[in-house]
C-alpha atoms as a PDB file:
ATOM      1  CA  MET A   1       6.791  14.015   5.122  1.00  0.00           C
ATOM      2  CA  LYS A   2       8.605  14.195   1.339  1.00  0.00           C
ATOM      3  CA  ILE A   3       7.622  17.234  -0.657  1.00  0.00           C
ATOM      4  CA  LEU A   4       8.348  17.228  -4.462  1.00  0.00           C
ATOM      5  CA  ILE A   5       8.850  20.709  -5.648  1.00  0.00           C
ATOM      6  CA  ALA A   6       9.064  21.644  -9.615  1.00  0.00           C
ATOM      7  CA  GLU A   7      10.236  25.360 -10.390  1.00  0.00           C
ATOM      8  CA  ASP A   8      12.167  25.973 -13.478  1.00  0.00           C
ATOM      9  CA  ASP A   9      13.549  29.298 -12.089  1.00  0.00           C
ATOM     10  CA  PRO A  10      16.793  28.345 -10.090  1.00  0.00           C
ATOM     11  CA  VAL A  11      16.353  31.255  -7.528  1.00  0.00           C
ATOM     12  CA  SER A  12      13.001  30.468  -6.812  1.00  0.00           C
ATOM     13  CA  ARG A  13      13.521  26.952  -6.477  1.00  0.00           C
ATOM     14  CA  ARG A  14      16.447  27.603  -3.888  1.00  0.00           C
ATOM     15  CA  LEU A  15      14.478  30.021  -1.863  1.00  0.00           C
ATOM     16  CA  LEU A  16      11.255  27.439  -1.925  1.00  0.00           C
ATOM     17  CA  GLU A  17      13.257  24.360  -1.181  1.00  0.00           C
ATOM     18  CA  ALA A  18      15.163  26.233   1.850  1.00  0.00           C
ATOM     19  CA  ARG A  19      12.003  27.492   3.563  1.00  0.00           C
ATOM     20  CA  LEU A  20      10.242  24.002   3.081  1.00  0.00           C
ATOM     21  CA  VAL A  21      13.583  22.270   4.732  1.00  0.00           C
ATOM     22  CA  ARG A  22      13.217  24.837   7.439  1.00  0.00           C
ATOM     23  CA  TRP A  23       9.674  23.684   8.126  1.00  0.00           C
ATOM     24  CA  GLY A  24      10.975  20.437   8.593  1.00  0.00           C
ATOM     25  CA  TYR A  25      10.383  18.473   4.956  1.00  0.00           C
ATOM     26  CA  GLU A  26      12.238  16.271   3.275  1.00  0.00           C
ATOM     27  CA  VAL A  27      12.474  18.182  -0.175  1.00  0.00           C
ATOM     28  CA  VAL A  28      12.882  16.514  -3.694  1.00  0.00           C
ATOM     29  CA  SER A  29      13.696  19.346  -6.248  1.00  0.00           C
ATOM     30  CA  THR A  30      13.039  19.252  -9.731  1.00  0.00           C
ATOM     31  CA  LYS A  31      13.834  22.045 -12.578  1.00  0.00           C
ATOM     32  CA  ASP A  32      11.041  21.063 -15.069  1.00  0.00           C
ATOM     33  CA  GLY A  33       7.722  19.310 -15.509  1.00  0.00           C
ATOM     34  CA  GLY A  34       9.339  16.696 -17.343  1.00  0.00           C
ATOM     35  CA  GLU A  35      11.652  15.497 -14.302  1.00  0.00           C
ATOM     36  CA  ALA A  36       8.762  15.953 -12.037  1.00  0.00           C
ATOM     37  CA  TRP A  37       7.017  13.318 -13.736  1.00  0.00           C
ATOM     38  CA  ALA A  38       9.170  10.992 -13.839  1.00  0.00           C
ATOM     39  CA  ILE A  39      10.150  11.223 -10.013  1.00  0.00           C
ATOM     40  CA  LEU A  40       6.103  11.006  -9.428  1.00  0.00           C
ATOM     41  CA  GLN A  41       5.829   7.448 -11.356  1.00  0.00           C
ATOM     42  CA  THR A  42       8.350   5.913  -8.878  1.00  0.00           C
ATOM     43  CA  PRO A  43       7.066   3.681  -6.057  1.00  0.00           C
ATOM     44  CA  GLU A  44       8.939   6.227  -3.647  1.00  0.00           C
ATOM     45  CA  ALA A  45       7.470   9.158  -5.101  1.00  0.00           C
ATOM     46  CA  PRO A  46       6.382  11.836  -2.479  1.00  0.00           C
ATOM     47  CA  ARG A  47       2.695  12.458  -2.218  1.00  0.00           C
ATOM     48  CA  LEU A  48       2.899  16.125  -1.602  1.00  0.00           C
ATOM     49  CA  VAL A  49       3.760  18.255  -4.688  1.00  0.00           C
ATOM     50  CA  VAL A  50       4.503  21.901  -5.486  1.00  0.00           C
ATOM     51  CA  LEU A  51       4.347  22.433  -8.907  1.00  0.00           C
ATOM     52  CA  ASP A  52       4.995  25.812 -10.890  1.00  0.00           C
ATOM     53  CA  TRP A  53       2.587  26.262 -14.084  1.00  0.00           C
ATOM     54  CA  MET A  54       4.888  27.748 -16.625  1.00  0.00           C
ATOM     55  CA  MET A  55       7.664  25.241 -17.045  1.00  0.00           C
ATOM     56  CA  PRO A  56       9.792  23.471 -20.050  1.00  0.00           C
ATOM     57  CA  VAL A  57       9.262  20.086 -20.999  1.00  0.00           C
ATOM     58  CA  LEU A  58       5.817  19.508 -19.501  1.00  0.00           C
ATOM     59  CA  SER A  59       3.887  22.497 -17.466  1.00  0.00           C
ATOM     60  CA  GLY A  60       2.539  22.406 -14.305  1.00  0.00           C
ATOM     61  CA  LEU A  61      -0.822  21.886 -15.655  1.00  0.00           C
ATOM     62  CA  GLU A  62       0.128  18.866 -17.747  1.00  0.00           C
ATOM     63  CA  VAL A  63       1.967  17.012 -14.518  1.00  0.00           C
ATOM     64  CA  CYS A  64      -1.596  17.451 -13.089  1.00  0.00           C
ATOM     65  CA  ARG A  65      -3.448  15.968 -15.499  1.00  0.00           C
ATOM     66  CA  LEU A  66      -1.013  13.214 -15.750  1.00  0.00           C
ATOM     67  CA  LEU A  67      -1.353  12.509 -12.242  1.00  0.00           C
ATOM     68  CA  ARG A  68      -5.034  12.263 -12.164  1.00  0.00           C
ATOM     69  CA  GLU A  69      -4.766   9.979 -14.984  1.00  0.00           C
ATOM     70  CA  ASP A  70      -2.454   7.755 -13.245  1.00  0.00           C
ATOM     71  CA  ALA A  71      -3.969   5.146 -10.582  1.00  0.00           C
ATOM     72  CA  ALA A  72      -0.827   4.878  -9.063  1.00  0.00           C
ATOM     73  CA  ALA A  73      -0.371   8.298  -8.228  1.00  0.00           C
ATOM     74  CA  LYS A  74      -4.052  10.090  -8.412  1.00  0.00           C
ATOM     75  CA  ASN A  75      -3.818  10.478  -4.499  1.00  0.00           C
ATOM     76  CA  SER A  76      -1.000  13.152  -4.867  1.00  0.00           C
ATOM     77  CA  HIS A  77      -1.975  16.250  -3.238  1.00  0.00           C
ATOM     78  CA  VAL A  78      -0.856  19.240  -5.804  1.00  0.00           C
ATOM     79  CA  ILE A  79      -0.600  22.714  -4.836  1.00  0.00           C
ATOM     80  CA  LEU A  80      -0.007  24.685  -8.257  1.00  0.00           C
ATOM     81  CA  LEU A  81       2.207  27.764  -7.940  1.00  0.00           C
ATOM     82  CA  THR A  82       2.072  30.361 -10.559  1.00  0.00           C
ATOM     83  CA  ALA A  83       1.920  34.138 -11.111  1.00  0.00           C
ATOM     84  CA  ARG A  84      -1.310  33.524 -13.232  1.00  0.00           C
ATOM     85  CA  ASP A  85      -4.021  34.622 -10.921  1.00  0.00           C
ATOM     86  CA  THR A  86      -7.268  35.312 -12.904  1.00  0.00           C
ATOM     87  CA  ARG A  87     -10.301  33.849 -11.706  1.00  0.00           C
ATOM     88  CA  GLN A  88     -10.262  31.373 -15.096  1.00  0.00           C
ATOM     89  CA  ASP A  89      -6.544  30.451 -14.388  1.00  0.00           C
ATOM     90  CA  VAL A  90      -7.879  29.334 -10.938  1.00  0.00           C
ATOM     91  CA  VAL A  91     -10.585  27.240 -12.426  1.00  0.00           C
ATOM     92  CA  THR A  92      -8.324  25.743 -15.133  1.00  0.00           C
ATOM     93  CA  GLY A  93      -5.671  24.654 -12.532  1.00  0.00           C
ATOM     94  CA  LEU A  94      -8.283  23.169 -10.248  1.00  0.00           C
ATOM     95  CA  ASN A  95      -9.837  21.326 -13.616  1.00  0.00           C
ATOM     96  CA  ALA A  96      -6.693  20.045 -14.494  1.00  0.00           C
ATOM     97  CA  GLY A  97      -6.499  18.273 -11.063  1.00  0.00           C
ATOM     98  CA  ALA A  98      -4.941  20.569  -8.723  1.00  0.00           C
ATOM     99  CA  ASN A  99      -6.079  20.319  -5.274  1.00  0.00           C
ATOM    100  CA  ASP A 100      -4.993  24.197  -4.068  1.00  0.00           C
ATOM    101  CA  TYR A 101      -3.732  26.934  -6.033  1.00  0.00           C
ATOM    102  CA  ILE A 102      -1.278  29.753  -4.838  1.00  0.00           C
ATOM    103  CA  THR A 103      -0.461  32.791  -6.855  1.00  0.00           C
ATOM    104  CA  LYS A 104       3.058  34.392  -6.913  1.00  0.00           C
ATOM    105  CA  PRO A 105       4.497  35.964  -4.972  1.00  0.00           C
ATOM    106  CA  PHE A 106       3.245  34.006  -2.488  1.00  0.00           C
ATOM    107  CA  ASP A 107       2.975  34.764   1.336  1.00  0.00           C
ATOM    108  CA  VAL A 108       4.781  32.484   3.372  1.00  0.00           C
ATOM    109  CA  GLU A 109       2.475  31.824   5.938  1.00  0.00           C
ATOM    110  CA  GLU A 110      -0.397  30.964   3.583  1.00  0.00           C
ATOM    111  CA  LEU A 111       2.036  28.613   1.836  1.00  0.00           C
ATOM    112  CA  HIS A 112       2.993  27.013   5.148  1.00  0.00           C
ATOM    113  CA  ALA A 113      -0.455  26.683   6.039  1.00  0.00           C
ATOM    114  CA  ARG A 114      -1.605  25.123   2.768  1.00  0.00           C
ATOM    115  CA  ILE A 115       0.973  22.625   2.999  1.00  0.00           C
ATOM    116  CA  ARG A 116       0.010  21.396   6.304  1.00  0.00           C
ATOM    117  CA  VAL A 117      -3.381  21.104   5.045  1.00  0.00           C
ATOM    118  CA  GLY A 118      -2.270  18.869   2.412  1.00  0.00           C
ATOM    119  CA  GLU A 119      -0.166  16.831   4.903  1.00  0.00           C
ATOM    120  CA  ARG A 120      -3.175  16.319   6.905  1.00  0.00           C
ATOM    121  CA  ILE A 121      -5.093  14.921   3.754  1.00  0.00           C
ATOM    122  CA  ILE A 122      -2.752  12.762   3.019  1.00  0.00           C
ATOM    123  CA  GLU A 123      -2.538  11.302   6.800  1.00  0.00           C
ATOM    124  CA  LEU A 124      -6.159  10.988   6.426  1.00  0.00           C
ATOM    125  CA  GLN A 125      -6.154   9.062   3.036  1.00  0.00           C
ATOM    126  CA  THR A 126      -3.365   7.020   4.244  1.00  0.00           C
ATOM    127  CA  SER A 127      -5.031   5.925   7.264  1.00  0.00           C
ATOM    128  CA  LEU A 128      -8.330   5.216   5.364  1.00  0.00           C
ATOM    129  CA  ALA A 129      -6.492   3.255   3.036  1.00  0.00           C
ATOM    130  CA  ASP A 130      -4.784   1.276   5.483  1.00  0.00           C
ATOM    131  CA  ARG A 131      -8.231   0.306   7.298  1.00  0.00           C
ATOM    132  CA  VAL A 132      -9.838  -0.656   3.838  1.00  0.00           C
ATOM    133  CA  HIS A 133      -6.599  -2.856   3.129  1.00  0.00           C
ATOM    134  CA  ASP A 134      -7.280  -4.529   6.799  1.00  0.00           C
ATOM    135  CA  LEU A 135     -10.831  -4.934   6.182  1.00  0.00           C
ATOM    136  CA  GLU A 136     -10.322  -6.600   2.734  1.00  0.00           C
ATOM    137  CA  VAL A 137      -7.526  -9.077   4.093  1.00  0.00           C
ATOM    138  CA  ALA A 138     -10.357  -9.911   6.937  1.00  0.00           C
ATOM    139  CA  LEU A 139     -12.848 -10.526   4.266  1.00  0.00           C
ATOM    140  CA  GLU A 140     -10.721 -12.528   2.262  1.00  0.00           C
ATOM    141  CA  GLN A 141      -9.752 -14.703   5.389  1.00  0.00           C
ATOM    142  CA  VAL A 142     -13.297 -15.096   6.454  1.00  0.00           C
ATOM    143  CA  LYS A 143     -15.996 -17.914   4.454  1.00  0.00           C
ATOM    144  CA  GLN A 144     -19.358 -17.757   5.823  1.00  0.00           C
ATOM    145  CA  LEU A 145     -21.366 -20.781   6.096  1.00  0.00           C
ATOM    146  CA  GLN A 146     -25.057 -20.180   4.652  1.00  0.00           C
ATOM    147  CA  GLY A 147     -28.150 -21.838   4.025  1.00  0.00           C
ATOM    148  CA  LEU A 148     -29.357 -25.403   5.047  1.00  0.00           C
ATOM    149  CA  LEU A 149     -26.742 -27.820   6.186  1.00  0.00           C
ATOM    150  CA  PRO A 150     -28.036 -31.744   6.029  1.00  0.00           C
ATOM    151  CA  ILE A 151     -26.704 -33.236   9.165  1.00  0.00           C
ATOM    152  CA  CYS A 152     -27.307 -36.924  10.488  1.00  0.00           C
ATOM    153  CA  LEU A 153     -29.529 -37.330  13.229  1.00  0.00           C
ATOM    154  CA  TYR A 154     -26.982 -40.170  15.006  1.00  0.00           C
ATOM    155  CA  CYS A 155     -23.730 -39.477  13.931  1.00  0.00           C
ATOM    156  CA  LYS A 156     -23.783 -35.656  13.365  1.00  0.00           C
ATOM    157  CA  LYS A 157     -21.974 -35.943   9.913  1.00  0.00           C
ATOM    158  CA  ILE A 158     -22.783 -33.166   7.645  1.00  0.00           C
ATOM    159  CA  ARG A 159     -23.859 -34.077   3.822  1.00  0.00           C
ATOM    160  CA  ASN A 160     -21.725 -31.496   1.423  1.00  0.00           C
ATOM    161  CA  ASP A 161     -22.502 -30.524  -2.214  1.00  0.00           C
ATOM    162  CA  LYS A 162     -20.949 -33.573  -3.442  1.00  0.00           C
ATOM    163  CA  ASN A 163     -23.548 -35.779  -1.530  1.00  0.00           C
ATOM    164  CA  TYR A 164     -20.588 -36.699   0.359  1.00  0.00           C
ATOM    165  CA  TRP A 165     -21.114 -37.329   4.310  1.00  0.00           C
ATOM    166  CA  GLN A 166     -18.268 -35.892   6.400  1.00  0.00           C
ATOM    167  CA  GLN A 167     -17.228 -34.847  10.091  1.00  0.00           C
ATOM    168  CA  VAL A 168     -18.824 -32.011  11.215  1.00  0.00           C
ATOM    169  CA  GLU A 169     -15.498 -30.135  12.074  1.00  0.00           C
ATOM    170  CA  SER A 170     -13.724 -31.359   8.494  1.00  0.00           C
ATOM    171  CA  TYR A 171     -16.527 -29.711   6.897  1.00  0.00           C
ATOM    172  CA  ILE A 172     -16.397 -26.386   8.740  1.00  0.00           C
ATOM    173  CA  MET A 173     -12.537 -26.264   8.276  1.00  0.00           C
ATOM    174  CA  GLU A 174     -13.088 -26.389   4.700  1.00  0.00           C
ATOM    175  CA  HIS A 175     -16.037 -23.698   4.783  1.00  0.00           C
ATOM    176  CA  SER A 176     -14.290 -21.185   7.239  1.00  0.00           C
ATOM    177  CA  VAL A 177     -10.834 -20.184   8.581  1.00  0.00           C
ATOM    178  CA  ALA A 178     -12.096 -21.999  11.825  1.00  0.00           C
ATOM    179  CA  ARG A 179      -9.610 -24.673  13.575  1.00  0.00           C
ATOM    180  CA  PHE A 180     -10.554 -26.997  15.781  1.00  0.00           C
ATOM    181  CA  SER A 181      -8.890 -28.262  19.196  1.00  0.00           C
ATOM    182  CA  HIS A 182     -10.072 -31.276  21.005  1.00  0.00           C
ATOM    183  CA  GLY A 183     -11.697 -31.279  24.520  1.00  0.00           C
ATOM    184  CA  ILE A 184     -14.317 -33.063  26.831  1.00  0.00           C
ATOM    185  CA  CYS A 185     -17.036 -31.088  27.972  1.00  0.00           C
ATOM    186  CA  PRO A 186     -18.669 -31.976  31.439  1.00  0.00           C
ATOM    187  CA  GLU A 187     -21.589 -33.936  30.238  1.00  0.00           C
ATOM    188  CA  CYS A 188     -19.491 -36.250  27.925  1.00  0.00           C
ATOM    189  CA  TYR A 189     -17.165 -36.645  30.708  1.00  0.00           C
ATOM    190  CA  GLU A 190     -19.742 -37.837  33.212  1.00  0.00           C
ATOM    191  CA  LYS A 191     -21.776 -40.072  30.832  1.00  0.00           C
ATOM    192  CA  VAL A 192     -18.743 -41.348  28.831  1.00  0.00           C
ATOM    193  CA  VAL A 193     -15.323 -40.925  30.163  1.00  0.00           C
ATOM    194  CA  LYS A 194     -16.120 -41.440  34.045  1.00  0.00           C
ATOM    195  CA  PRO A 195     -17.817 -44.885  33.207  1.00  0.00           C
ATOM    196  CA  GLU A 196     -14.965 -45.754  30.969  1.00  0.00           C
ATOM    197  CA  LEU A 197     -12.515 -45.012  33.697  1.00  0.00           C
ATOM    198  CA  ALA A 198     -14.072 -46.878  36.510  1.00  0.00           C
ATOM    199  CA  ARG A 199     -14.482 -49.878  33.766  1.00  0.00           C
ATOM    200  CA  LEU A 200     -10.540 -50.007  33.080  1.00  0.00           C
ATOM    201  CA  ASN A 201     -10.155 -49.546  36.783  1.00  0.00           C
ATOM    202  CA  ALA A 202     -12.019 -52.242  37.709  1.00  0.00           C
ATOM    203  CA  SER A 203     -10.370 -54.562  35.101  1.00  0.00           C
ATOM    204  CA  HIS A 204      -6.983 -53.484  36.406  1.00  0.00           C
ATOM    205  CA  VAL A 205      -8.299 -54.591  39.903  1.00  0.00           C
ATOM    206  CA  THR A 206      -9.704 -58.006  38.611  1.00  0.00           C
ATOM    207  CA  ALA A 207      -6.311 -58.742  36.562  1.00  0.00           C
ATOM    208  CA  SER A 208      -4.283 -57.728  39.485  1.00  0.00           C
ATOM    209  CA  PRO A 209      -2.524 -61.233  41.520  1.00  0.00           C
END
C-alpha cells in the first residue's frame, strides 16, 4: 500500500520515510501541504496519509479540511503527526477531518500499529465499495416485470402499454435481461411433433414408388 507523508523538516521526513519503507510501504514524500494536496487530487493518490500539522503553503489541518470537502478524496485515512499535544489540539485535529492523531516525538511501535489500523480500514472500505458497485451494476441490468399483464387466452400474446399485442418472449426480452433459446417440451413433443413426424413419414411412404 502507498502512503503519502507531508513533513517540512527534512531530517524528520527522511527518518519517517525510511521507517515506512522498512515496514514494506511505498512512500510518496512531500515537503509541504501544498505539494501534498496537489498529489492527493490525482487519480493515483495514496489513500493512507500522514501529515505534519505545521507546514508551509498549507498546514496539515488545512489539507484535512480540503480532503473532507473533496468527494473523490474524502475516503482517505489521515493521521495527523504533530508536537501539539493538548486536549484541545487533538479535538481540533479530529474535527478538521483527521482519522487519527499522534504526537511528536512518536513511539515507533505506536505509529506502526496506527498505520496498520488505517490500512485495514481502507481495505474494508475498498471491499465495501466493490460490493456496492457490483450491486449497482446488477440492479442496472435487471428490470422487473410488475403488475397485471393482459394475455390472450388462445394465442398467449401479451398486450403492452401501447395496446399492441406481441409474443410472450419478445415482451419479456424488452422488459428484462432474459433471453430465450427455443426447445420442445415432452408434452408438446407427444401432442404435436410426434404426430407430425408420423404424418410426414406416412406421406413419404405413400410417395415412394
